[in-house]
Amino acid sequence: MKPTRIPLFVSIVILLFAAACSQQPAIGPAGEGGTRSIAAQSQSMVIPAGTTLEVRLTTGVNSKDNKAGDSFEGSLEQPVVAGDRVAIPKGAVVTGRVTGAVPSGRLKQRAELWVTLASVTVKGKRYDLATTTTGHKEGSKATRDIVFIGGGAGAGAAVGGIAGGGKGAAIGTAIGAGAGTAGAMLTGQREIKFPPETLLRFKLEKELSVQP
């Protein structure tokens, strides 16, 4: 009996199949590690409660013209890192709302202005925020956090206080030249004003998960 000859095209198919199989990634610790690496990159980045968010205001607010519920916008002054990855980049758009606004009036009514953050947008996706409240009451030594009033050159004044509502100086140590002017912008005519370019500091009250 004559030996069976394998057609040429069948031989070529067999060789191509064998070559393809030889290029498949090995299954084992190395392959599993690569899978874990990809999975880790796709996992949500968790920003813990207590993380500080510094926001530069785009729209200003004041105790005379605004009321509780009014919204404002700003941008993140510094990136927020979760682990070894940037979860929220610098410049991310942030929205906030006024939680309390009392205009200065007669009968010794002191002006008040309190604000909090509501959301941040990362890569086109909006995330709700729960943060501390920041603000000031005219003539009071108590603040909820530190408020920086600054212009384009970075001049400003700090409204003192311990984060969370401690006692501190109503107007703290000046930061840079022109701080006196910035302080006047804050308490001028007994109204509390946070004009555009004001830098406000908040802290997350709940952890935030951000998609990569």
Foldseek 3Di string as FASTA:
>chain_A
DDDDDDDPVVVVVVVVVVVVVVPDDDPDPVVVVVVVVVVVQFFWFKFAFFDKWKWFWPAKDWQPPDAFFDKGKTWTQQFDDRDHHGQGHGGWIWMKTWHGHHFQDPPRDATWTKIDTAWTADPNDIDGFDKWIFIDIQPAQKTQPWKWQQDPVGWTWIQDYDHGIGGHGRTDDGDDPPHVVSVCQQQPPRMGMRGGRIMDMITTRGMDIGGD
